[in-house]
N, C-alpha and C. Protein backbone atom coordinates (compact mmCIF):
# COMPACT_ATOMS: atom_id res chain seq x y z
N UNK A 1 -18.57 7.67 -4.94
CA UNK A 1 -17.98 7.08 -6.12
C UNK A 1 -16.48 6.85 -5.89
N UNK A 2 -16.04 5.63 -6.03
CA UNK A 2 -14.65 5.28 -5.79
C UNK A 2 -13.79 5.89 -6.90
N UNK A 3 -12.70 6.59 -6.54
CA UNK A 3 -11.86 7.22 -7.55
C UNK A 3 -11.00 6.20 -8.30
N UNK A 4 -10.97 6.34 -9.62
CA UNK A 4 -10.09 5.52 -10.45
C UNK A 4 -8.92 6.40 -10.87
N UNK A 5 -7.72 5.91 -10.65
CA UNK A 5 -6.51 6.66 -11.01
C UNK A 5 -5.82 5.95 -12.16
N UNK A 6 -5.13 6.73 -12.98
CA UNK A 6 -4.50 6.16 -14.15
C UNK A 6 -3.10 6.73 -14.32
N UNK A 7 -2.15 5.87 -14.68
CA UNK A 7 -0.78 6.28 -15.02
C UNK A 7 -0.52 5.83 -16.45
N UNK A 8 0.70 5.99 -16.89
CA UNK A 8 1.04 5.55 -18.25
C UNK A 8 0.77 4.07 -18.46
N UNK A 9 1.09 3.25 -17.44
CA UNK A 9 0.99 1.80 -17.62
C UNK A 9 -0.05 1.12 -16.73
N UNK A 10 -0.64 1.87 -15.80
CA UNK A 10 -1.48 1.25 -14.77
C UNK A 10 -2.84 1.90 -14.64
N UNK A 11 -3.78 1.10 -14.18
CA UNK A 11 -5.06 1.61 -13.71
C UNK A 11 -5.16 1.20 -12.24
N UNK A 12 -5.42 2.18 -11.41
CA UNK A 12 -5.64 1.93 -9.98
C UNK A 12 -7.14 2.04 -9.77
N UNK A 13 -7.75 0.93 -9.38
CA UNK A 13 -9.21 0.86 -9.34
C UNK A 13 -9.71 0.18 -8.08
N UNK A 14 -11.02 0.28 -7.89
CA UNK A 14 -11.65 -0.34 -6.74
C UNK A 14 -11.44 -1.86 -6.79
N UNK A 15 -11.22 -2.42 -5.63
CA UNK A 15 -11.02 -3.86 -5.50
C UNK A 15 -12.38 -4.53 -5.35
N UNK A 16 -12.59 -5.61 -6.11
CA UNK A 16 -13.86 -6.34 -6.06
C UNK A 16 -13.62 -7.79 -5.65
N UNK A 17 -14.71 -8.51 -5.45
CA UNK A 17 -14.61 -9.94 -5.08
C UNK A 17 -13.80 -10.73 -6.11
N UNK A 18 -13.89 -10.32 -7.38
CA UNK A 18 -13.15 -11.02 -8.43
C UNK A 18 -11.64 -10.89 -8.25
N UNK A 19 -11.20 -9.93 -7.43
CA UNK A 19 -9.78 -9.71 -7.20
C UNK A 19 -9.20 -10.57 -6.08
N UNK A 20 -10.04 -11.37 -5.45
CA UNK A 20 -9.55 -12.21 -4.35
C UNK A 20 -8.40 -13.11 -4.81
N UNK A 21 -8.47 -13.60 -6.04
CA UNK A 21 -7.41 -14.47 -6.56
C UNK A 21 -6.08 -13.70 -6.63
N UNK A 22 -6.11 -12.46 -7.11
CA UNK A 22 -4.90 -11.64 -7.19
C UNK A 22 -4.36 -11.28 -5.82
N UNK A 23 -5.27 -11.01 -4.89
CA UNK A 23 -4.85 -10.71 -3.51
C UNK A 23 -4.21 -11.95 -2.90
N UNK A 24 -4.83 -13.10 -3.13
CA UNK A 24 -4.27 -14.34 -2.60
C UNK A 24 -2.89 -14.62 -3.19
N UNK A 25 -2.72 -14.35 -4.49
CA UNK A 25 -1.42 -14.58 -5.14
C UNK A 25 -0.32 -13.76 -4.46
N UNK A 26 -0.66 -12.55 -4.03
CA UNK A 26 0.34 -11.72 -3.33
C UNK A 26 0.54 -12.18 -1.89
N UNK A 27 -0.54 -12.23 -1.15
CA UNK A 27 -0.45 -12.44 0.30
C UNK A 27 -0.25 -13.90 0.71
N UNK A 28 -0.24 -14.81 -0.25
CA UNK A 28 0.12 -16.20 0.07
C UNK A 28 1.60 -16.44 -0.23
N UNK A 29 2.27 -15.41 -0.73
CA UNK A 29 3.68 -15.50 -1.10
C UNK A 29 4.52 -14.94 0.05
N UNK A 30 5.34 -15.79 0.64
CA UNK A 30 6.15 -15.37 1.80
C UNK A 30 7.14 -14.27 1.46
N UNK A 31 7.55 -14.14 0.21
CA UNK A 31 8.43 -13.04 -0.17
C UNK A 31 7.72 -11.69 -0.07
N UNK A 32 6.40 -11.70 -0.21
CA UNK A 32 5.61 -10.48 -0.07
C UNK A 32 5.33 -10.20 1.40
N UNK A 33 4.93 -11.21 2.14
CA UNK A 33 4.47 -10.98 3.52
C UNK A 33 5.58 -10.87 4.56
N UNK A 34 6.80 -11.25 4.22
CA UNK A 34 7.85 -11.28 5.24
C UNK A 34 8.12 -9.92 5.87
N UNK A 35 7.86 -8.84 5.17
CA UNK A 35 8.05 -7.48 5.71
C UNK A 35 6.73 -6.73 5.79
N UNK A 36 5.66 -7.44 5.98
CA UNK A 36 4.35 -6.80 5.87
C UNK A 36 3.62 -6.65 7.20
N UNK A 37 3.99 -7.45 8.19
CA UNK A 37 3.24 -7.42 9.44
C UNK A 37 1.92 -8.14 9.29
N UNK A 38 1.85 -9.01 8.33
CA UNK A 38 0.63 -9.77 8.01
C UNK A 38 1.04 -11.22 7.81
N UNK A 39 0.32 -12.11 8.45
CA UNK A 39 0.63 -13.52 8.26
C UNK A 39 0.31 -13.94 6.83
N UNK A 40 1.04 -14.88 6.32
CA UNK A 40 0.84 -15.38 4.96
C UNK A 40 -0.52 -16.07 4.87
N UNK A 41 -1.28 -15.72 3.83
CA UNK A 41 -2.61 -16.30 3.66
C UNK A 41 -2.51 -17.76 3.26
N UNK A 42 -3.45 -18.54 3.77
CA UNK A 42 -3.50 -19.97 3.47
C UNK A 42 -4.70 -20.35 2.62
N UNK A 43 -5.70 -19.44 2.49
CA UNK A 43 -6.91 -19.80 1.74
C UNK A 43 -7.46 -18.59 0.98
N UNK A 44 -8.19 -18.88 -0.07
CA UNK A 44 -8.84 -17.83 -0.86
C UNK A 44 -9.88 -17.10 -0.02
N UNK A 45 -10.46 -17.80 0.94
CA UNK A 45 -11.45 -17.16 1.82
C UNK A 45 -10.82 -16.02 2.63
N UNK A 46 -9.57 -16.20 3.03
CA UNK A 46 -8.87 -15.12 3.74
C UNK A 46 -8.70 -13.92 2.81
N UNK A 47 -8.39 -14.16 1.56
CA UNK A 47 -8.25 -13.07 0.59
C UNK A 47 -9.59 -12.37 0.39
N UNK A 48 -10.67 -13.12 0.36
CA UNK A 48 -12.00 -12.52 0.25
C UNK A 48 -12.28 -11.62 1.46
N UNK A 49 -11.77 -12.01 2.61
CA UNK A 49 -11.89 -11.18 3.81
C UNK A 49 -11.16 -9.85 3.65
N UNK A 50 -10.03 -9.86 2.96
CA UNK A 50 -9.31 -8.61 2.67
C UNK A 50 -10.17 -7.69 1.81
N UNK A 51 -10.83 -8.26 0.80
CA UNK A 51 -11.70 -7.46 -0.07
C UNK A 51 -12.77 -6.76 0.78
N UNK A 52 -13.38 -7.51 1.67
CA UNK A 52 -14.40 -6.94 2.56
C UNK A 52 -13.81 -5.87 3.47
N UNK A 53 -12.62 -6.13 4.01
CA UNK A 53 -11.96 -5.16 4.89
C UNK A 53 -11.67 -3.85 4.16
N UNK A 54 -11.15 -3.95 2.94
CA UNK A 54 -10.84 -2.75 2.16
C UNK A 54 -12.11 -1.95 1.88
N UNK A 55 -13.20 -2.64 1.53
CA UNK A 55 -14.47 -1.97 1.23
C UNK A 55 -15.02 -1.28 2.48
N UNK A 56 -14.94 -1.96 3.61
CA UNK A 56 -15.44 -1.38 4.88
C UNK A 56 -14.60 -0.17 5.27
N UNK A 57 -13.30 -0.27 5.13
CA UNK A 57 -12.41 0.84 5.47
C UNK A 57 -12.75 2.08 4.64
N UNK A 58 -13.00 1.88 3.34
CA UNK A 58 -13.36 3.01 2.47
C UNK A 58 -14.71 3.60 2.86
N UNK A 59 -15.67 2.73 3.10
CA UNK A 59 -17.03 3.17 3.48
C UNK A 59 -17.00 3.99 4.76
N UNK A 60 -16.16 3.58 5.70
CA UNK A 60 -16.06 4.27 6.99
C UNK A 60 -15.06 5.43 6.97
N UNK A 61 -14.49 5.71 5.78
CA UNK A 61 -13.53 6.81 5.60
C UNK A 61 -12.29 6.67 6.49
N UNK A 62 -11.88 5.42 6.71
CA UNK A 62 -10.67 5.14 7.49
C UNK A 62 -9.47 4.84 6.59
N UNK A 63 -9.76 4.60 5.32
CA UNK A 63 -8.69 4.27 4.38
C UNK A 63 -9.24 4.11 2.99
N UNK A 64 -8.34 3.95 2.05
CA UNK A 64 -8.72 3.69 0.67
C UNK A 64 -7.64 2.79 0.05
N UNK A 65 -8.09 1.75 -0.62
CA UNK A 65 -7.14 0.79 -1.19
C UNK A 65 -7.52 0.51 -2.64
N UNK A 66 -6.57 0.72 -3.52
CA UNK A 66 -6.78 0.46 -4.94
C UNK A 66 -6.15 -0.86 -5.33
N UNK A 67 -6.74 -1.53 -6.29
CA UNK A 67 -6.10 -2.64 -6.97
C UNK A 67 -5.20 -2.08 -8.06
N UNK A 68 -4.01 -2.63 -8.20
CA UNK A 68 -3.07 -2.21 -9.24
C UNK A 68 -3.23 -3.16 -10.42
N UNK A 69 -3.68 -2.61 -11.54
CA UNK A 69 -3.90 -3.42 -12.73
C UNK A 69 -3.09 -2.83 -13.89
N UNK A 70 -2.40 -3.67 -14.62
CA UNK A 70 -1.67 -3.21 -15.80
C UNK A 70 -2.67 -2.98 -16.92
N UNK A 71 -2.50 -1.87 -17.63
CA UNK A 71 -3.40 -1.56 -18.74
C UNK A 71 -3.38 -2.68 -19.77
N UNK A 72 -4.55 -3.00 -20.29
CA UNK A 72 -4.65 -4.03 -21.31
C UNK A 72 -4.66 -5.45 -20.77
N UNK A 73 -4.69 -5.58 -19.44
CA UNK A 73 -4.74 -6.93 -18.83
C UNK A 73 -5.93 -6.99 -17.87
N UNK A 74 -6.27 -8.18 -17.47
CA UNK A 74 -7.32 -8.39 -16.48
C UNK A 74 -6.68 -8.90 -15.20
N UNK A 75 -7.14 -8.39 -14.07
CA UNK A 75 -6.65 -8.86 -12.78
C UNK A 75 -5.58 -7.96 -12.21
N UNK A 76 -5.51 -7.95 -10.89
CA UNK A 76 -4.57 -7.07 -10.21
C UNK A 76 -3.25 -7.78 -9.93
N UNK A 77 -2.20 -6.95 -9.87
CA UNK A 77 -0.85 -7.47 -9.57
C UNK A 77 -0.41 -7.05 -8.16
N UNK A 78 -1.27 -6.30 -7.48
CA UNK A 78 -0.97 -5.83 -6.14
C UNK A 78 -2.02 -4.82 -5.71
N UNK A 79 -1.80 -4.23 -4.55
CA UNK A 79 -2.70 -3.18 -4.06
C UNK A 79 -1.86 -2.04 -3.49
N UNK A 80 -2.51 -0.89 -3.38
CA UNK A 80 -1.87 0.30 -2.82
C UNK A 80 -2.94 1.18 -2.22
N UNK A 81 -2.58 1.90 -1.18
CA UNK A 81 -3.57 2.81 -0.63
C UNK A 81 -3.14 3.46 0.65
N UNK A 82 -4.11 4.12 1.26
CA UNK A 82 -3.90 4.83 2.51
C UNK A 82 -4.58 4.09 3.64
N UNK A 83 -3.83 3.90 4.74
CA UNK A 83 -4.34 3.36 5.99
C UNK A 83 -4.34 4.50 6.99
N UNK A 84 -5.00 4.30 8.10
CA UNK A 84 -4.99 5.29 9.18
C UNK A 84 -5.29 6.69 8.64
N UNK A 85 -6.24 6.76 7.73
CA UNK A 85 -6.63 8.03 7.13
C UNK A 85 -7.32 8.89 8.18
N UNK A 86 -6.83 10.11 8.36
CA UNK A 86 -7.41 11.05 9.32
C UNK A 86 -7.66 12.39 8.63
N UNK A 87 -8.88 12.55 8.06
CA UNK A 87 -9.18 13.83 7.41
C UNK A 87 -9.04 15.03 8.36
N UNK A 88 -9.40 14.84 9.62
CA UNK A 88 -9.29 15.94 10.60
C UNK A 88 -7.85 16.43 10.71
N UNK A 89 -6.92 15.50 10.78
CA UNK A 89 -5.51 15.84 10.94
C UNK A 89 -4.75 15.89 9.61
N UNK A 90 -5.49 15.67 8.51
CA UNK A 90 -4.94 15.77 7.15
C UNK A 90 -3.71 14.89 6.96
N UNK A 91 -3.84 13.63 7.40
CA UNK A 91 -2.72 12.70 7.27
C UNK A 91 -3.22 11.29 6.98
N UNK A 92 -2.30 10.49 6.48
CA UNK A 92 -2.57 9.07 6.23
C UNK A 92 -1.23 8.37 6.11
N UNK A 93 -1.27 7.03 6.17
CA UNK A 93 -0.09 6.21 5.94
C UNK A 93 -0.29 5.44 4.64
N UNK A 94 0.74 5.45 3.81
CA UNK A 94 0.66 4.72 2.55
C UNK A 94 1.17 3.30 2.76
N UNK A 95 0.53 2.38 2.07
CA UNK A 95 0.94 0.99 2.10
C UNK A 95 0.76 0.38 0.73
N UNK A 96 1.56 -0.61 0.40
CA UNK A 96 1.50 -1.19 -0.94
C UNK A 96 2.18 -2.55 -0.92
N UNK A 97 1.81 -3.36 -1.88
CA UNK A 97 2.52 -4.61 -2.15
C UNK A 97 2.24 -4.97 -3.60
N UNK A 98 3.17 -5.68 -4.16
CA UNK A 98 3.05 -6.11 -5.56
C UNK A 98 3.62 -7.52 -5.67
N UNK A 99 3.04 -8.30 -6.55
CA UNK A 99 3.51 -9.67 -6.72
C UNK A 99 4.97 -9.67 -7.20
N UNK A 100 5.81 -10.56 -6.67
CA UNK A 100 7.23 -10.59 -7.04
C UNK A 100 7.51 -10.69 -8.54
N UNK A 101 6.60 -11.26 -9.29
CA UNK A 101 6.77 -11.34 -10.75
C UNK A 101 6.91 -9.94 -11.38
N UNK A 102 6.42 -8.93 -10.67
CA UNK A 102 6.43 -7.56 -11.20
C UNK A 102 7.37 -6.63 -10.44
N UNK A 103 8.22 -7.20 -9.60
CA UNK A 103 9.20 -6.38 -8.88
C UNK A 103 10.24 -5.83 -9.85
N UNK A 104 10.78 -4.69 -9.49
CA UNK A 104 11.90 -4.04 -10.21
C UNK A 104 11.55 -3.65 -11.65
N UNK A 105 10.27 -3.40 -11.90
CA UNK A 105 9.84 -2.95 -13.22
C UNK A 105 9.28 -1.53 -13.18
N UNK A 106 9.33 -0.92 -11.99
CA UNK A 106 8.87 0.45 -11.85
C UNK A 106 7.39 0.62 -11.59
N UNK A 107 6.64 -0.48 -11.53
CA UNK A 107 5.20 -0.37 -11.32
C UNK A 107 4.84 0.22 -9.96
N UNK A 108 5.54 -0.21 -8.92
CA UNK A 108 5.22 0.28 -7.58
C UNK A 108 5.48 1.77 -7.47
N UNK A 109 6.63 2.22 -7.96
CA UNK A 109 6.93 3.66 -7.91
C UNK A 109 5.90 4.45 -8.69
N UNK A 110 5.50 3.95 -9.84
CA UNK A 110 4.50 4.62 -10.66
C UNK A 110 3.18 4.76 -9.90
N UNK A 111 2.77 3.69 -9.23
CA UNK A 111 1.54 3.72 -8.46
C UNK A 111 1.67 4.64 -7.24
N UNK A 112 2.80 4.56 -6.55
CA UNK A 112 3.02 5.39 -5.36
C UNK A 112 2.94 6.87 -5.72
N UNK A 113 3.59 7.27 -6.80
CA UNK A 113 3.56 8.68 -7.19
C UNK A 113 2.14 9.15 -7.49
N UNK A 114 1.35 8.32 -8.13
CA UNK A 114 -0.04 8.69 -8.45
C UNK A 114 -0.89 8.80 -7.19
N UNK A 115 -0.71 7.88 -6.26
CA UNK A 115 -1.49 7.89 -5.03
C UNK A 115 -1.07 9.08 -4.15
N UNK A 116 0.21 9.40 -4.11
CA UNK A 116 0.68 10.58 -3.37
C UNK A 116 0.02 11.84 -3.93
N UNK A 117 0.02 11.96 -5.24
CA UNK A 117 -0.60 13.13 -5.86
C UNK A 117 -2.08 13.22 -5.49
N UNK A 118 -2.78 12.09 -5.54
CA UNK A 118 -4.19 12.06 -5.17
C UNK A 118 -4.37 12.48 -3.70
N UNK A 119 -3.51 11.97 -2.83
CA UNK A 119 -3.60 12.30 -1.41
C UNK A 119 -3.46 13.78 -1.14
N UNK A 120 -2.49 14.39 -1.76
CA UNK A 120 -2.27 15.83 -1.54
C UNK A 120 -3.29 16.68 -2.28
N UNK A 121 -3.53 16.38 -3.55
CA UNK A 121 -4.37 17.25 -4.37
C UNK A 121 -5.87 17.04 -4.17
N UNK A 122 -6.29 15.79 -4.00
CA UNK A 122 -7.73 15.51 -3.92
C UNK A 122 -8.22 15.32 -2.49
N UNK A 123 -7.42 14.68 -1.65
CA UNK A 123 -7.83 14.49 -0.25
C UNK A 123 -7.39 15.64 0.64
N UNK A 124 -6.52 16.50 0.15
CA UNK A 124 -6.07 17.65 0.93
C UNK A 124 -5.16 17.28 2.09
N UNK A 125 -4.43 16.19 1.96
CA UNK A 125 -3.53 15.78 3.04
C UNK A 125 -2.35 16.74 3.15
N UNK A 126 -1.86 16.87 4.36
CA UNK A 126 -0.65 17.63 4.64
C UNK A 126 0.55 16.70 4.78
N UNK A 127 0.28 15.48 5.28
CA UNK A 127 1.34 14.52 5.58
C UNK A 127 0.93 13.12 5.13
N UNK A 128 1.88 12.45 4.48
CA UNK A 128 1.72 11.04 4.16
C UNK A 128 2.88 10.31 4.82
N UNK A 129 2.57 9.38 5.67
CA UNK A 129 3.59 8.62 6.38
C UNK A 129 3.72 7.22 5.79
N UNK A 130 4.77 6.54 6.21
CA UNK A 130 4.99 5.14 5.83
C UNK A 130 5.76 4.47 6.95
N UNK A 131 5.41 3.24 7.26
CA UNK A 131 6.09 2.44 8.27
C UNK A 131 6.64 1.21 7.55
N UNK A 132 7.96 1.00 7.69
CA UNK A 132 8.65 -0.03 6.92
C UNK A 132 9.57 -0.84 7.84
N UNK A 133 9.50 -2.16 7.72
CA UNK A 133 10.44 -3.01 8.45
C UNK A 133 11.86 -2.57 8.12
N UNK A 134 12.73 -2.54 9.15
CA UNK A 134 14.11 -2.08 8.95
C UNK A 134 14.84 -2.86 7.86
N UNK A 135 14.55 -4.13 7.72
CA UNK A 135 15.25 -4.96 6.73
C UNK A 135 14.70 -4.82 5.31
N UNK A 136 13.62 -4.10 5.15
CA UNK A 136 12.98 -3.98 3.83
C UNK A 136 13.65 -2.86 3.02
N UNK A 137 14.83 -3.15 2.51
CA UNK A 137 15.61 -2.15 1.78
C UNK A 137 14.92 -1.68 0.51
N UNK A 138 14.22 -2.57 -0.18
CA UNK A 138 13.56 -2.19 -1.43
C UNK A 138 12.50 -1.11 -1.17
N UNK A 139 11.72 -1.29 -0.12
CA UNK A 139 10.69 -0.31 0.18
C UNK A 139 11.30 1.00 0.66
N UNK A 140 12.32 0.92 1.49
CA UNK A 140 13.01 2.14 1.95
C UNK A 140 13.59 2.90 0.77
N UNK A 141 14.22 2.20 -0.15
CA UNK A 141 14.81 2.85 -1.33
C UNK A 141 13.73 3.51 -2.20
N UNK A 142 12.60 2.84 -2.35
CA UNK A 142 11.50 3.40 -3.12
C UNK A 142 11.00 4.70 -2.48
N UNK A 143 10.83 4.69 -1.17
CA UNK A 143 10.34 5.88 -0.49
C UNK A 143 11.31 7.05 -0.65
N UNK A 144 12.61 6.79 -0.50
CA UNK A 144 13.61 7.84 -0.73
C UNK A 144 13.50 8.38 -2.15
N UNK A 145 13.37 7.48 -3.10
CA UNK A 145 13.32 7.85 -4.52
C UNK A 145 12.17 8.82 -4.81
N UNK A 146 11.04 8.64 -4.14
CA UNK A 146 9.88 9.50 -4.41
C UNK A 146 9.78 10.69 -3.45
N UNK A 147 10.81 10.86 -2.57
CA UNK A 147 10.88 12.08 -1.78
C UNK A 147 10.60 11.98 -0.29
N UNK A 148 10.33 10.78 0.21
CA UNK A 148 10.08 10.62 1.64
C UNK A 148 11.37 10.83 2.44
N UNK A 149 11.21 11.24 3.68
CA UNK A 149 12.34 11.38 4.60
C UNK A 149 12.16 10.41 5.77
N UNK A 150 13.26 9.82 6.19
CA UNK A 150 13.21 8.95 7.37
C UNK A 150 13.15 9.83 8.62
N UNK A 151 12.20 9.52 9.50
CA UNK A 151 12.05 10.29 10.73
C UNK A 151 12.63 9.59 11.94
N UNK A 152 12.66 8.27 11.91
CA UNK A 152 13.19 7.57 13.06
C UNK A 152 12.83 6.10 13.06
N UNK A 153 13.03 5.49 14.22
CA UNK A 153 12.78 4.06 14.41
C UNK A 153 11.65 3.89 15.41
N UNK A 154 10.74 3.00 15.08
CA UNK A 154 9.70 2.58 16.02
C UNK A 154 10.12 1.20 16.53
N UNK A 155 10.53 1.15 17.76
CA UNK A 155 11.09 -0.08 18.32
C UNK A 155 10.00 -1.10 18.60
N UNK A 156 10.27 -2.35 18.14
CA UNK A 156 9.36 -3.48 18.35
C UNK A 156 7.93 -3.11 17.97
N UNK A 157 7.76 -2.48 16.82
CA UNK A 157 6.50 -1.87 16.43
C UNK A 157 5.55 -2.83 15.72
N UNK A 158 6.10 -3.79 14.97
CA UNK A 158 5.25 -4.70 14.21
C UNK A 158 5.64 -6.14 14.48
N UNK A 159 4.63 -6.98 14.45
CA UNK A 159 4.85 -8.41 14.65
C UNK A 159 4.71 -9.14 13.33
N UNK A 160 5.59 -10.10 13.13
CA UNK A 160 5.53 -10.98 11.97
C UNK A 160 5.84 -12.38 12.48
N UNK A 161 4.93 -13.28 12.26
CA UNK A 161 5.10 -14.67 12.70
C UNK A 161 5.46 -14.76 14.18
N UNK A 162 4.79 -13.95 14.99
CA UNK A 162 4.96 -14.01 16.43
C UNK A 162 6.17 -13.29 16.99
N UNK A 163 6.95 -12.63 16.14
CA UNK A 163 8.16 -11.94 16.59
C UNK A 163 8.02 -10.44 16.35
N UNK A 164 8.46 -9.64 17.33
CA UNK A 164 8.41 -8.18 17.21
C UNK A 164 9.60 -7.67 16.42
N UNK A 165 9.34 -6.69 15.56
CA UNK A 165 10.38 -6.09 14.73
C UNK A 165 10.37 -4.58 14.86
N UNK A 166 11.57 -4.01 14.75
CA UNK A 166 11.70 -2.56 14.65
C UNK A 166 11.33 -2.13 13.24
N UNK A 167 10.78 -0.92 13.14
CA UNK A 167 10.45 -0.36 11.83
C UNK A 167 10.98 1.06 11.72
N UNK A 168 11.17 1.50 10.50
CA UNK A 168 11.46 2.90 10.25
C UNK A 168 10.13 3.60 9.98
N UNK A 169 10.07 4.87 10.35
CA UNK A 169 8.92 5.69 10.00
C UNK A 169 9.42 6.78 9.06
N UNK A 170 8.68 6.96 7.98
CA UNK A 170 9.00 7.93 6.94
C UNK A 170 7.83 8.90 6.80
N UNK A 171 8.12 10.07 6.21
CA UNK A 171 7.05 10.98 5.89
C UNK A 171 7.38 11.79 4.65
N UNK A 172 6.32 12.22 4.01
CA UNK A 172 6.40 13.18 2.91
C UNK A 172 5.34 14.22 3.21
N UNK A 173 5.74 15.48 3.25
CA UNK A 173 4.81 16.56 3.51
C UNK A 173 4.41 17.23 2.21
N UNK A 174 3.22 17.75 2.20
CA UNK A 174 2.74 18.45 1.02
C UNK A 174 3.72 19.58 0.66
N UNK A 175 4.28 20.23 1.67
CA UNK A 175 5.21 21.33 1.45
C UNK A 175 6.58 20.86 0.93
N UNK A 176 6.85 19.55 0.97
CA UNK A 176 8.12 19.01 0.47
C UNK A 176 8.13 18.87 -1.06
N UNK A 177 6.96 18.92 -1.65
CA UNK A 177 6.85 18.65 -3.10
C UNK A 177 7.35 19.80 -3.94
């Protein structure tokens, strides 16, 4: 059973085929993908592929991705979840994106805090990591705000539009809370 998480303003829920439009709205926007390590989507079919990928990742226990939906509305404004989930090593990497229309309204931080709590309390994680393009100040600031620490630089770690970029690596430990 896929876990549904709830905050004051958000419902974090399983992503379905009906969410392909919301995924496309995010991932077809170059302001979203420029620091993502993901090429900008050109078709709704590519977004449908993301839905399938997220479902497969959850089924295989390699990750979990929630759709971010504002309470009282239909459709997602972004996604959030854990990649590189390793139950054996009690760790995962958090990843998220939200449509620019909803930037700077606190939705991402609200979702991140809920997912962190789920990771530590329900999944029993010891460590949650994050990898962020060096130029992505908004994401770095968000991670600091919720308690992550910068550990270092991963040189030429991610590619975007055929070019290698350095990234920062962050972590939050269960014992840091």
